[in-house]
N, C-alpha and C. Protein backbone atom coordinates (compact mmCIF):
# COMPACT_ATOMS: atom_id res chain seq x y z
N MET A 1 197.47 85.91 72.45
CA MET A 1 197.94 86.58 72.39
C MET A 1 198.39 87.54 73.26
N SER A 2 199.52 88.10 73.40
CA SER A 2 199.50 89.50 74.64
C SER A 2 198.75 90.53 73.96
N GLU A 3 198.24 91.44 74.78
CA GLU A 3 197.57 92.27 74.63
C GLU A 3 198.44 93.63 74.24
N THR A 4 199.89 93.54 74.22
CA THR A 4 200.77 94.48 73.92
C THR A 4 201.21 93.98 72.57
N ILE A 5 200.93 92.92 71.92
CA ILE A 5 201.34 92.51 70.47
C ILE A 5 200.79 93.38 69.75
N SER A 6 202.04 93.87 68.88
CA SER A 6 202.15 95.18 67.52
C SER A 6 200.75 94.35 66.75
N GLU A 7 200.58 95.49 65.87
CA GLU A 7 199.42 95.29 64.85
C GLU A 7 200.12 94.76 63.70
N ASP A 8 201.65 94.46 63.53
CA ASP A 8 202.15 94.14 62.24
C ASP A 8 202.17 92.52 62.92
N GLU A 9 202.46 92.48 63.76
CA GLU A 9 202.43 90.84 64.24
C GLU A 9 201.22 90.37 64.57
N LEU A 10 200.52 90.96 64.64
CA LEU A 10 198.75 90.28 64.93
C LEU A 10 198.56 89.80 63.27
N LEU A 11 198.72 90.97 62.23
CA LEU A 11 198.21 90.69 60.88
C LEU A 11 199.23 89.38 60.55
N HIS A 12 200.18 89.47 60.68
CA HIS A 12 200.99 88.12 60.46
C HIS A 12 200.30 86.74 60.92
N GLN A 13 200.25 86.89 62.27
CA GLN A 13 199.62 85.83 62.90
C GLN A 13 198.31 85.34 61.95
N VAL A 14 197.48 86.60 61.18
CA VAL A 14 196.26 86.44 60.85
C VAL A 14 196.72 85.95 59.25
N GLU A 15 197.40 86.22 59.02
CA GLU A 15 198.39 85.90 57.54
C GLU A 15 198.49 84.50 57.77
N LEU A 16 199.20 83.74 58.90
CA LEU A 16 199.18 82.16 58.72
C LEU A 16 198.17 81.50 58.68
N LEU A 17 197.22 81.58 59.07
CA LEU A 17 195.70 81.25 59.59
C LEU A 17 195.35 81.22 58.40
N ASN A 18 195.18 82.38 57.48
CA ASN A 18 195.03 82.56 55.82
C ASN A 18 195.18 81.59 54.99
N GLU A 19 196.78 81.06 55.51
CA GLU A 19 197.29 80.43 54.08
C GLU A 19 197.38 78.93 54.71
N ASP A 20 196.68 78.55 55.94
CA ASP A 20 196.58 77.33 56.47
C ASP A 20 195.40 76.27 56.06
N PRO A 21 195.62 75.48 54.92
CA PRO A 21 193.84 74.85 54.59
C PRO A 21 193.94 74.08 55.53
N LEU A 22 194.06 73.81 56.41
CA LEU A 22 193.24 72.81 57.71
C LEU A 22 192.96 73.90 58.40
N ILE A 23 192.95 75.21 58.58
CA ILE A 23 191.73 76.21 58.58
C ILE A 23 190.94 76.45 58.69
N HIS A 24 189.30 76.86 58.85
CA HIS A 24 188.52 76.95 57.67
C HIS A 24 187.55 78.19 58.17
N GLY A 25 187.94 79.10 59.39
CA GLY A 25 187.09 80.13 59.95
C GLY A 25 188.05 80.44 60.78
N ILE A 26 188.40 81.55 60.97
CA ILE A 26 188.64 82.73 61.92
C ILE A 26 188.03 83.76 62.55
N LEU A 27 187.70 84.40 63.90
CA LEU A 27 187.03 85.08 64.52
C LEU A 27 188.13 85.83 65.10
N ILE A 28 187.99 87.28 65.22
CA ILE A 28 188.78 88.54 65.66
C ILE A 28 188.04 88.79 66.82
N GLN A 29 188.30 88.20 68.38
CA GLN A 29 187.76 88.85 69.60
C GLN A 29 187.98 89.95 69.59
N LEU A 30 186.61 90.67 69.71
CA LEU A 30 186.71 92.46 69.72
C LEU A 30 186.10 92.42 70.94
N PRO A 31 186.79 93.65 71.71
CA PRO A 31 187.40 94.71 71.33
C PRO A 31 189.33 93.98 71.35
N LEU A 32 189.54 94.94 70.10
CA LEU A 32 190.91 94.88 70.44
C LEU A 32 191.50 95.90 71.32
N PRO A 33 193.16 95.30 71.32
CA PRO A 33 193.37 96.32 72.42
C PRO A 33 193.69 98.04 71.75
N LYS A 34 193.43 99.52 72.08
CA LYS A 34 193.29 100.54 71.85
C LYS A 34 194.63 100.62 70.69
N HIS A 35 195.77 100.09 70.74
CA HIS A 35 196.79 100.30 69.79
C HIS A 35 196.70 99.94 68.11
N ILE A 36 195.69 98.85 68.51
CA ILE A 36 195.81 98.16 66.96
C ILE A 36 194.02 98.50 66.45
N ASN A 37 194.54 98.91 65.33
CA ASN A 37 193.48 99.18 64.21
C ASN A 37 192.55 97.93 63.60
N GLU A 38 191.32 98.28 64.40
CA GLU A 38 190.26 96.97 64.52
C GLU A 38 190.01 96.50 63.47
N GLN A 39 189.55 97.83 62.43
CA GLN A 39 188.94 98.07 61.11
C GLN A 39 190.20 96.80 59.87
N ARG A 40 191.01 97.43 59.81
CA ARG A 40 192.18 96.67 59.43
C ARG A 40 192.23 95.65 59.73
N VAL A 41 192.25 95.33 61.02
CA VAL A 41 192.84 93.57 61.16
C VAL A 41 191.31 92.87 60.53
N LEU A 42 190.55 93.53 61.02
CA LEU A 42 188.91 92.39 59.99
C LEU A 42 189.04 92.28 58.93
N LYS A 43 189.56 93.15 58.13
CA LYS A 43 189.85 93.77 56.74
C LYS A 43 191.05 92.37 56.39
N HIS A 44 191.72 92.04 57.13
CA HIS A 44 193.21 91.22 56.92
C HIS A 44 192.37 89.93 56.74
N VAL A 45 191.29 89.65 57.55
CA VAL A 45 190.76 87.99 57.53
C VAL A 45 190.46 87.86 56.06
N LYS A 46 190.94 86.79 55.86
CA LYS A 46 190.49 86.29 53.99
C LYS A 46 188.98 86.01 54.09
N LEU A 47 187.97 86.38 53.22
CA LEU A 47 187.17 86.75 52.84
C LEU A 47 186.30 85.28 53.33
N GLU A 48 186.58 84.31 52.97
CA GLU A 48 186.04 83.00 52.63
C GLU A 48 185.93 82.09 54.11
N LYS A 49 187.16 83.08 55.01
CA LYS A 49 187.13 82.23 56.66
C LYS A 49 186.68 83.13 57.28
N ASP A 50 185.91 84.27 56.95
CA ASP A 50 185.46 85.43 57.99
C ASP A 50 184.26 84.61 58.29
N VAL A 51 184.35 83.96 59.21
CA VAL A 51 182.96 83.06 60.09
C VAL A 51 182.43 83.92 60.86
N ASP A 52 183.05 85.39 61.24
CA ASP A 52 181.90 86.57 62.34
C ASP A 52 181.34 87.00 60.96
N GLY A 53 181.69 87.55 59.55
CA GLY A 53 180.67 88.02 58.52
C GLY A 53 181.23 89.36 58.85
N PHE A 54 182.34 89.88 59.24
CA PHE A 54 182.46 91.18 59.45
C PHE A 54 183.46 91.76 58.67
N HIS A 55 183.67 90.87 57.58
CA HIS A 55 184.99 91.50 56.61
C HIS A 55 183.93 92.33 55.39
N PRO A 56 184.51 93.93 55.32
CA PRO A 56 183.41 94.24 54.36
C PRO A 56 183.07 93.87 53.34
N GLU A 57 183.56 93.01 52.44
CA GLU A 57 182.80 92.37 51.41
C GLU A 57 181.67 91.84 51.69
N ASN A 58 181.84 90.91 52.55
CA ASN A 58 180.69 90.06 53.30
C ASN A 58 179.51 91.02 53.71
N VAL A 59 179.61 92.43 54.08
CA VAL A 59 178.56 92.84 54.58
C VAL A 59 178.25 93.76 53.30
N GLY A 60 179.21 94.04 52.12
CA GLY A 60 178.69 94.65 51.22
C GLY A 60 177.40 93.90 50.48
N ASN A 61 178.06 91.97 50.23
CA ASN A 61 177.28 91.13 49.81
C ASN A 61 176.31 91.26 50.49
N LEU A 62 176.05 91.05 51.95
CA LEU A 62 174.73 91.38 52.75
C LEU A 62 173.97 92.29 52.38
N THR A 63 174.49 93.42 51.66
CA THR A 63 173.64 94.88 51.65
C THR A 63 172.82 94.51 50.39
N LEU A 64 173.69 93.96 49.54
CA LEU A 64 172.92 93.73 47.94
C LEU A 64 172.39 92.28 48.11
N LYS A 65 172.34 91.75 48.83
CA LYS A 65 171.47 90.51 48.69
C LYS A 65 171.82 89.48 48.28
N ARG A 66 173.09 89.63 48.23
CA ARG A 66 173.77 88.33 47.67
C ARG A 66 174.04 87.03 48.84
N LEU A 67 172.55 86.24 49.04
CA LEU A 67 173.01 85.75 49.97
C LEU A 67 173.55 84.61 49.97
N ASP A 68 173.66 83.54 48.98
CA ASP A 68 174.06 82.50 48.53
C ASP A 68 175.12 81.86 49.35
N ASN A 69 175.39 81.06 50.45
CA ASN A 69 176.75 81.00 50.99
C ASN A 69 177.34 81.95 51.78
N LEU A 70 176.37 82.98 51.94
CA LEU A 70 177.11 84.03 52.45
C LEU A 70 177.32 83.70 54.28
N LEU A 71 178.37 84.43 54.17
CA LEU A 71 178.83 84.62 55.99
C LEU A 71 178.49 85.60 56.65
N VAL A 72 177.10 84.93 57.42
CA VAL A 72 176.31 86.29 58.01
C VAL A 72 176.85 86.65 59.23
N SER A 73 176.98 87.90 59.56
CA SER A 73 177.09 87.95 61.29
C SER A 73 176.50 87.43 62.30
N CYS A 74 176.88 86.47 63.13
CA CYS A 74 176.17 85.35 63.65
C CYS A 74 175.10 86.24 64.50
N THR A 75 175.28 87.10 65.40
CA THR A 75 173.91 86.94 66.45
C THR A 75 172.35 87.55 65.50
N PRO A 76 172.83 88.33 64.74
CA PRO A 76 171.82 88.62 63.83
C PRO A 76 171.00 87.63 62.90
N GLN A 77 171.73 86.69 62.10
CA GLN A 77 171.24 85.22 61.63
C GLN A 77 170.85 84.57 62.90
N GLY A 78 171.10 84.49 64.32
CA GLY A 78 170.61 83.67 65.17
C GLY A 78 169.42 84.31 65.59
N CYS A 79 169.02 85.53 65.31
CA CYS A 79 167.54 86.32 65.69
C CYS A 79 166.84 85.83 64.70
N ILE A 80 167.44 85.88 63.85
CA ILE A 80 166.43 85.16 62.33
C ILE A 80 165.75 83.76 62.63
N GLU A 81 166.99 82.92 62.69
CA GLU A 81 166.52 81.33 63.27
C GLU A 81 165.79 81.38 64.05
N LEU A 82 166.35 82.22 65.52
CA LEU A 82 164.54 82.39 66.40
C LEU A 82 163.25 82.38 66.09
N LEU A 83 163.30 83.68 65.14
CA LEU A 83 161.87 83.62 64.62
C LEU A 83 161.54 83.09 63.92
N ASP A 84 161.89 82.06 62.98
CA ASP A 84 161.66 80.98 62.25
C ASP A 84 161.36 79.84 63.08
N ALA A 85 162.05 79.24 63.95
CA ALA A 85 161.86 78.49 64.52
C ALA A 85 160.07 78.54 65.50
N TYR A 86 159.99 79.35 65.72
CA TYR A 86 159.06 79.48 66.68
C TYR A 86 157.57 80.37 65.41
N ASN A 87 157.92 80.13 64.25
CA ASN A 87 156.76 80.41 63.51
C ASN A 87 156.53 81.54 63.64
N ILE A 88 157.13 82.63 63.74
CA ILE A 88 156.79 83.92 63.82
C ILE A 88 157.01 85.09 62.66
N GLU A 89 155.81 85.66 62.09
CA GLU A 89 155.85 86.04 60.74
C GLU A 89 156.46 87.25 60.62
N ILE A 90 157.65 87.44 59.55
CA ILE A 90 158.67 88.58 59.45
C ILE A 90 158.12 89.18 58.58
N SER A 91 157.62 88.62 57.01
CA SER A 91 157.61 89.11 55.99
C SER A 91 155.70 90.35 56.28
N GLY A 92 156.19 91.83 55.72
CA GLY A 92 154.94 92.97 56.59
C GLY A 92 155.12 92.88 57.56
N LYS A 93 155.69 93.20 58.51
CA LYS A 93 155.81 93.36 59.95
C LYS A 93 156.25 94.66 60.17
N ASN A 94 156.11 95.04 61.37
CA ASN A 94 156.54 96.63 61.87
C ASN A 94 157.99 95.91 62.71
N VAL A 95 158.98 96.15 62.19
CA VAL A 95 160.46 95.71 63.40
C VAL A 95 160.81 97.31 63.71
N VAL A 96 161.12 97.03 64.95
CA VAL A 96 162.06 98.18 65.56
C VAL A 96 163.48 97.45 66.02
N VAL A 97 164.61 98.06 65.65
CA VAL A 97 165.95 97.52 66.07
C VAL A 97 166.19 98.80 67.01
N LEU A 98 166.57 98.71 68.31
CA LEU A 98 166.99 99.39 68.68
C LEU A 98 168.72 99.15 68.72
N GLY A 99 169.40 100.23 68.26
CA GLY A 99 170.67 100.07 68.08
C GLY A 99 170.69 100.17 66.50
N ARG A 100 172.47 100.78 66.21
CA ARG A 100 172.81 100.99 65.26
C ARG A 100 174.22 100.08 64.77
N SER A 101 174.67 99.45 65.35
CA SER A 101 175.93 99.02 65.25
C SER A 101 176.31 97.82 64.17
N ASN A 102 177.90 98.20 64.03
CA ASN A 102 178.40 96.96 62.57
C ASN A 102 177.94 96.02 63.18
N ILE A 103 178.13 95.35 64.16
CA ILE A 103 178.16 93.96 64.73
C ILE A 103 176.31 93.30 64.71
N VAL A 104 175.38 94.42 65.30
CA VAL A 104 174.13 93.67 65.04
C VAL A 104 173.25 94.76 64.35
N GLY A 105 173.02 95.82 64.91
CA GLY A 105 172.11 96.87 64.45
C GLY A 105 172.12 96.68 62.90
N ILE A 106 173.00 97.15 62.42
CA ILE A 106 172.99 97.09 60.88
C ILE A 106 172.60 95.85 60.17
N PRO A 107 173.38 95.04 60.28
CA PRO A 107 173.08 93.75 59.58
C PRO A 107 171.56 93.03 60.19
N MET A 108 171.62 92.76 61.20
CA MET A 108 170.39 93.00 61.44
C MET A 108 168.59 93.44 60.92
N SER A 109 169.21 94.98 60.87
CA SER A 109 168.29 95.51 59.78
C SER A 109 168.11 95.39 58.55
N LEU A 110 169.27 94.90 57.85
CA LEU A 110 168.75 94.25 56.44
C LEU A 110 168.84 92.72 56.29
N LEU A 111 168.67 92.24 57.12
CA LEU A 111 168.72 90.94 57.19
C LEU A 111 166.61 90.97 57.24
N LEU A 112 166.34 91.54 57.95
CA LEU A 112 164.83 91.86 58.16
C LEU A 112 164.39 92.37 57.19
N LEU A 113 165.21 93.25 56.60
CA LEU A 113 164.49 94.01 55.17
C LEU A 113 164.34 92.78 54.11
N HIS A 114 165.36 92.31 54.28
CA HIS A 114 165.33 91.30 52.99
C HIS A 114 164.23 90.46 53.15
N ARG A 115 163.75 89.71 54.29
CA ARG A 115 162.87 89.16 54.59
C ARG A 115 161.36 90.02 54.47
N ASN A 116 161.26 91.55 53.83
CA ASN A 116 160.16 91.97 53.23
C ASN A 116 159.64 92.43 54.82
N ALA A 117 160.24 92.69 55.62
CA ALA A 117 159.67 93.11 57.21
C ALA A 117 160.00 94.91 56.64
N THR A 118 159.48 95.68 57.55
CA THR A 118 159.35 97.21 57.49
C THR A 118 159.97 97.39 58.78
N VAL A 119 161.37 98.18 58.39
CA VAL A 119 162.26 98.54 59.46
C VAL A 119 162.40 99.59 59.96
N THR A 120 162.42 99.85 61.45
CA THR A 120 162.57 101.34 61.80
C THR A 120 164.24 100.90 62.63
N ILE A 121 165.32 101.69 62.43
CA ILE A 121 166.11 101.49 63.33
C ILE A 121 166.34 102.85 64.37
N CYS A 122 166.10 102.33 65.51
CA CYS A 122 166.01 103.70 66.17
C CYS A 122 167.46 103.63 67.51
N HIS A 123 167.95 104.71 67.62
CA HIS A 123 169.40 104.74 68.40
C HIS A 123 169.27 106.08 69.46
N SER A 124 170.46 106.58 70.01
CA SER A 124 170.52 107.58 71.28
C SER A 124 169.83 109.11 70.82
N LYS A 125 169.77 109.27 69.45
CA LYS A 125 169.36 110.56 68.65
C LYS A 125 168.22 110.54 68.51
N THR A 126 167.37 108.88 68.61
CA THR A 126 166.26 109.14 67.74
C THR A 126 165.13 109.90 68.97
N GLN A 127 164.02 110.76 68.39
CA GLN A 127 162.79 111.52 69.01
C GLN A 127 161.52 110.43 69.13
N ASP A 128 160.90 110.37 70.38
CA ASP A 128 159.67 110.07 70.78
C ASP A 128 159.88 108.38 70.45
N LEU A 129 160.85 107.95 70.94
CA LEU A 129 161.05 106.48 70.98
C LEU A 129 160.43 105.50 71.14
N LYS A 130 158.95 106.16 71.88
CA LYS A 130 157.62 105.25 72.46
C LYS A 130 156.58 105.18 70.89
N SER A 131 156.76 106.44 69.86
CA SER A 131 156.16 106.18 69.18
C SER A 131 156.31 105.18 67.82
N HIS A 132 157.47 104.82 67.84
CA HIS A 132 157.84 103.47 67.45
C HIS A 132 157.95 102.36 67.84
N THR A 133 158.39 102.11 69.23
CA THR A 133 157.96 100.98 69.66
C THR A 133 156.72 100.27 69.53
N LYS A 134 155.85 101.17 70.44
CA LYS A 134 154.81 100.90 70.40
C LYS A 134 153.80 100.19 69.21
N ASN A 135 154.17 100.53 67.92
CA ASN A 135 153.88 100.35 66.73
C ASN A 135 154.50 98.92 66.28
N ALA A 136 155.69 98.43 67.07
CA ALA A 136 155.99 97.12 66.30
C ALA A 136 155.40 96.22 66.72
N HIS A 137 155.81 95.29 65.71
CA HIS A 137 155.08 93.88 65.79
C HIS A 137 156.25 92.99 66.45
N ILE A 138 157.22 93.44 66.55
CA ILE A 138 158.81 92.83 66.67
C ILE A 138 159.93 93.89 67.11
N ILE A 139 160.48 93.13 68.52
CA ILE A 139 161.50 94.45 68.23
C ILE A 139 162.95 93.99 68.94
N ILE A 140 163.89 94.69 68.24
CA ILE A 140 165.29 93.74 68.39
C ILE A 140 166.25 94.78 69.48
N CYS A 141 166.27 94.31 70.65
CA CYS A 141 167.11 95.29 71.51
C CYS A 141 168.71 94.99 71.22
N ALA A 142 169.17 95.92 71.19
CA ALA A 142 170.76 95.66 70.86
C ALA A 142 171.23 97.04 70.95
N CYS A 143 171.14 97.49 72.14
CA CYS A 143 171.79 98.96 72.30
C CYS A 143 172.88 99.15 73.35
N GLY A 144 172.48 98.12 74.40
CA GLY A 144 173.35 98.24 75.60
C GLY A 144 173.24 99.20 76.19
N GLN A 145 171.76 99.10 76.63
CA GLN A 145 171.41 99.69 78.03
C GLN A 145 170.54 98.83 79.11
N ALA A 146 171.08 98.73 80.20
CA ALA A 146 170.38 97.56 80.79
C ALA A 146 169.18 97.96 81.21
N LYS A 147 168.02 97.13 81.00
CA LYS A 147 166.59 97.57 81.58
C LYS A 147 165.68 98.10 80.72
N MET A 148 166.48 98.92 79.69
CA MET A 148 166.24 100.19 79.09
C MET A 148 164.47 99.95 78.85
N LEU A 149 164.11 98.69 78.04
CA LEU A 149 162.74 98.65 77.71
C LEU A 149 162.00 98.28 78.54
N THR A 150 160.65 98.69 78.98
CA THR A 150 160.09 98.16 79.81
C THR A 150 158.92 98.56 78.75
N LYS A 151 157.29 97.84 79.88
CA LYS A 151 155.91 97.72 79.26
C LYS A 151 155.38 98.86 78.79
N GLU A 152 155.92 100.57 79.70
CA GLU A 152 155.23 101.66 78.98
C GLU A 152 155.51 101.38 77.44
N TYR A 153 156.87 101.04 77.00
CA TYR A 153 157.32 101.18 75.34
C TYR A 153 156.08 100.36 74.41
N ILE A 154 155.76 99.30 75.23
CA ILE A 154 155.10 98.53 74.00
C ILE A 154 153.88 97.87 74.14
N ASN A 155 153.49 97.34 72.87
CA ASN A 155 151.98 96.84 73.25
C ASN A 155 152.12 95.49 73.24
N GLU A 156 150.71 94.74 73.71
CA GLU A 156 150.99 93.10 74.44
C GLU A 156 151.12 92.29 73.15
N ASN A 157 151.31 92.89 72.04
CA ASN A 157 151.22 91.57 71.00
C ASN A 157 152.70 91.31 70.45
N VAL A 158 153.47 92.16 70.84
CA VAL A 158 154.78 92.63 70.25
C VAL A 158 155.80 91.34 70.50
N VAL A 159 156.76 90.86 69.89
CA VAL A 159 157.62 90.05 70.31
C VAL A 159 159.26 90.38 70.20
N ILE A 160 159.93 90.19 71.60
CA ILE A 160 160.84 90.93 71.81
C ILE A 160 162.05 90.02 72.02
N ILE A 161 163.56 90.44 70.84
CA ILE A 161 164.62 89.43 70.80
C ILE A 161 165.40 90.61 71.44
N ASP A 162 165.82 89.95 72.58
CA ASP A 162 167.18 90.85 73.28
C ASP A 162 168.28 90.27 73.14
N VAL A 163 169.04 91.22 72.36
CA VAL A 163 170.45 90.84 71.85
C VAL A 163 171.56 91.38 73.45
N GLY A 164 170.98 92.49 74.01
CA GLY A 164 171.69 92.92 75.28
C GLY A 164 172.00 92.18 76.51
N ILE A 165 173.59 92.35 76.91
CA ILE A 165 174.38 91.82 77.65
C ILE A 165 174.94 92.44 78.66
N ASN A 166 174.52 93.03 79.55
CA ASN A 166 174.65 93.87 81.01
C ASN A 166 174.79 93.27 82.09
N SER A 167 175.95 93.69 82.62
CA SER A 167 176.02 93.66 84.25
C SER A 167 176.04 94.19 85.11
N ILE A 168 174.95 93.93 86.29
CA ILE A 168 174.25 95.08 87.15
C ILE A 168 174.63 94.42 88.65
N GLU A 169 174.99 94.97 89.29
CA GLU A 169 175.48 95.04 90.92
C GLU A 169 174.33 93.80 91.69
N ASP A 170 174.20 92.83 91.88
CA ASP A 170 173.91 92.12 92.71
C ASP A 170 174.58 91.23 94.23
N LYS A 171 174.52 92.15 95.06
CA LYS A 171 174.95 91.47 96.19
C LYS A 171 174.55 89.85 96.60
N THR A 172 173.48 89.43 96.46
CA THR A 172 173.06 88.18 96.44
C THR A 172 174.06 87.06 95.71
N ARG A 173 174.48 87.88 94.94
CA ARG A 173 175.20 86.51 93.89
C ARG A 173 176.62 86.65 94.34
N LYS A 174 177.47 85.59 94.10
CA LYS A 174 179.05 85.18 94.81
C LYS A 174 179.55 86.29 94.07
N SER A 175 179.62 86.63 92.81
CA SER A 175 180.22 86.99 92.07
C SER A 175 180.11 88.89 92.17
N GLY A 176 179.05 89.06 92.55
CA GLY A 176 178.79 90.44 93.05
C GLY A 176 177.47 91.03 92.29
N TYR A 177 177.55 90.27 90.86
CA TYR A 177 176.99 90.87 89.50
C TYR A 177 175.62 89.96 88.95
N ARG A 178 174.75 90.44 88.25
CA ARG A 178 173.99 89.23 87.72
C ARG A 178 174.10 90.21 85.93
N LEU A 179 173.65 89.20 84.85
CA LEU A 179 173.48 89.59 83.68
C LEU A 179 171.94 89.92 83.20
N VAL A 180 171.98 90.68 82.75
CA VAL A 180 170.44 91.06 82.30
C VAL A 180 170.60 91.87 81.01
N GLY A 181 169.82 91.87 80.12
CA GLY A 181 169.35 92.36 78.39
C GLY A 181 169.08 93.78 78.86
N ASP A 182 168.86 94.28 77.56
CA ASP A 182 168.19 95.54 77.63
C ASP A 182 166.85 95.73 78.05
N ALA A 183 166.31 94.41 77.86
CA ALA A 183 164.70 95.05 78.28
C ALA A 183 164.94 94.08 79.33
N ASP A 184 163.76 94.70 80.16
CA ASP A 184 163.40 94.63 81.56
C ASP A 184 162.49 93.39 81.65
N TYR A 185 163.35 92.13 81.39
CA TYR A 185 162.18 90.99 81.52
C TYR A 185 161.36 90.55 82.28
N GLU A 186 161.37 90.71 83.56
CA GLU A 186 160.71 90.70 84.42
C GLU A 186 159.48 91.96 84.50
N ASP A 187 159.68 92.37 83.97
CA ASP A 187 158.66 93.87 83.28
C ASP A 187 157.44 93.64 82.38
N LEU A 188 158.45 92.76 81.62
CA LEU A 188 157.59 92.67 80.31
C LEU A 188 157.27 91.41 79.95
N LYS A 189 157.86 89.94 80.55
CA LYS A 189 157.31 89.10 80.50
C LYS A 189 155.84 88.46 80.24
N ASP A 190 155.11 89.37 81.19
CA ASP A 190 153.66 88.62 81.00
C ASP A 190 152.93 90.05 80.38
N ASN A 191 153.72 90.70 79.69
CA ASN A 191 152.74 91.76 78.90
C ASN A 191 153.14 91.89 77.44
N VAL A 192 153.94 90.43 77.03
CA VAL A 192 154.35 90.59 75.53
C VAL A 192 154.13 89.18 75.00
N LYS A 193 153.76 89.09 73.75
CA LYS A 193 153.58 87.61 73.02
C LYS A 193 154.48 86.64 73.20
N ALA A 194 156.01 87.15 73.04
CA ALA A 194 157.07 86.26 73.28
C ALA A 194 158.22 87.24 73.50
N ILE A 195 158.85 86.90 74.68
CA ILE A 195 160.34 87.60 74.78
C ILE A 195 161.73 86.52 75.21
N THR A 196 162.69 86.84 74.77
CA THR A 196 163.85 85.99 74.85
C THR A 196 164.72 86.52 75.90
N PRO A 197 165.12 85.43 77.30
CA PRO A 197 165.89 85.50 78.21
C PRO A 197 167.04 86.18 78.13
N VAL A 198 167.89 86.91 78.94
CA VAL A 198 169.21 87.05 79.29
C VAL A 198 169.69 86.50 80.50
N PRO A 199 170.62 85.57 80.99
CA PRO A 199 171.61 85.05 79.37
C PRO A 199 170.35 83.72 79.39
N GLY A 200 170.92 83.19 77.90
CA GLY A 200 170.19 82.08 77.56
C GLY A 200 169.39 82.05 76.36
N GLY A 201 169.40 83.40 75.64
CA GLY A 201 168.61 83.45 74.63
C GLY A 201 169.02 83.34 73.49
N VAL A 202 169.53 84.63 73.30
CA VAL A 202 170.33 84.73 71.95
C VAL A 202 171.63 84.09 71.92
N GLY A 203 172.27 84.11 73.22
CA GLY A 203 173.71 83.96 73.15
C GLY A 203 174.24 82.68 72.71
N PRO A 204 173.32 81.73 73.17
CA PRO A 204 173.60 80.18 72.53
C PRO A 204 173.34 80.25 70.71
N MET A 205 172.22 81.07 70.43
CA MET A 205 172.16 81.05 69.05
C MET A 205 173.09 82.05 68.35
N THR A 206 173.84 82.51 68.80
CA THR A 206 175.21 83.04 68.23
C THR A 206 175.97 82.35 68.08
N ILE A 207 176.24 81.42 69.17
CA ILE A 207 177.43 80.27 69.05
C ILE A 207 176.96 78.94 67.93
N ALA A 208 175.96 78.93 67.82
CA ALA A 208 175.34 77.89 66.87
C ALA A 208 175.62 78.51 65.57
N MET A 209 175.45 79.67 65.41
CA MET A 209 175.37 80.23 64.23
C MET A 209 177.06 80.46 63.55
N LEU A 210 177.82 80.69 64.34
CA LEU A 210 179.41 80.67 64.59
C LEU A 210 179.62 79.23 63.81
N LEU A 211 179.37 77.88 64.56
CA LEU A 211 179.55 76.61 63.93
C LEU A 211 178.50 76.31 62.41
N LYS A 212 177.78 77.33 62.07
CA LYS A 212 176.90 77.13 61.23
C LYS A 212 177.84 77.79 60.08
N ASN A 213 178.50 78.98 60.29
CA ASN A 213 179.27 79.71 59.32
C ASN A 213 180.44 78.58 58.85
N THR A 214 181.30 78.35 60.22
CA THR A 214 182.27 77.55 60.11
C THR A 214 182.48 76.57 59.06
N LEU A 215 181.06 75.58 58.90
CA LEU A 215 180.60 74.50 58.40
C LEU A 215 180.62 75.05 56.85
N ILE A 216 179.68 76.02 56.52
CA ILE A 216 179.70 76.86 55.35
C ILE A 216 181.07 77.16 54.62
N ALA A 217 181.77 78.00 55.68
CA ALA A 217 183.13 78.29 54.87
C ALA A 217 184.29 77.08 54.51
N CYS A 218 184.01 75.37 55.28
CA CYS A 218 184.50 74.28 55.06
C CYS A 218 184.23 73.54 53.39
N ILE A 219 183.21 73.89 53.30
CA ILE A 219 182.03 73.20 52.11
C ILE A 219 182.51 74.43 50.96
N ASN A 220 182.51 75.89 51.21
CA ASN A 220 182.96 76.65 50.00
C ASN A 220 184.22 76.64 49.63
N THR A 221 185.69 76.06 50.52
CA THR A 221 186.74 75.99 50.27
C THR A 221 187.13 74.54 50.14
N THR A 222 186.56 73.56 50.09
CA THR A 222 186.81 72.13 49.79
C THR A 222 186.28 71.43 48.67
């Protein structure tokens, strides 16, 4: 679609996909152009085809722990899958989530809470951030600040899941930039129990969970 598409025309296109029985999953690539109401479009996606997990009712079901066949936001779900794959215990652990976005921070916190973690959400207004992060068993970085988390903020037994994707100048690269996370990987990698890299860590898990959600959506509607 052109970025000049009207909101009504975009909604019409979504409706065509909603009614197509051969389409099992729909995602809205964000951000949308400024003249389009993002929440209105997300809400317009048919609930059972919402493979991004952004529909208000899907978010509500996650909040109420109605998890059976639920389409959960892909990046938080991918973080949980990573922790489980490496047998990192969640129940009873102190987990700090850096960031409170609807896409990552909030659903991430709910998934962790449902797994019996003690969850602290930190953000731009949090006072004395170190007092929270130094006591964490797990830190989820999702604040969009390049390399903000350094070894002075952590203890050596912490596990860090870095969701952040930020571009910084790098004149040695043909592109002129490189991607880094919210955690300073080089500063942290020898001072933590485990850490995910950027790129190549959470990103592939997000795609895998999108495929998983699409399969669930297909099963739920056939």
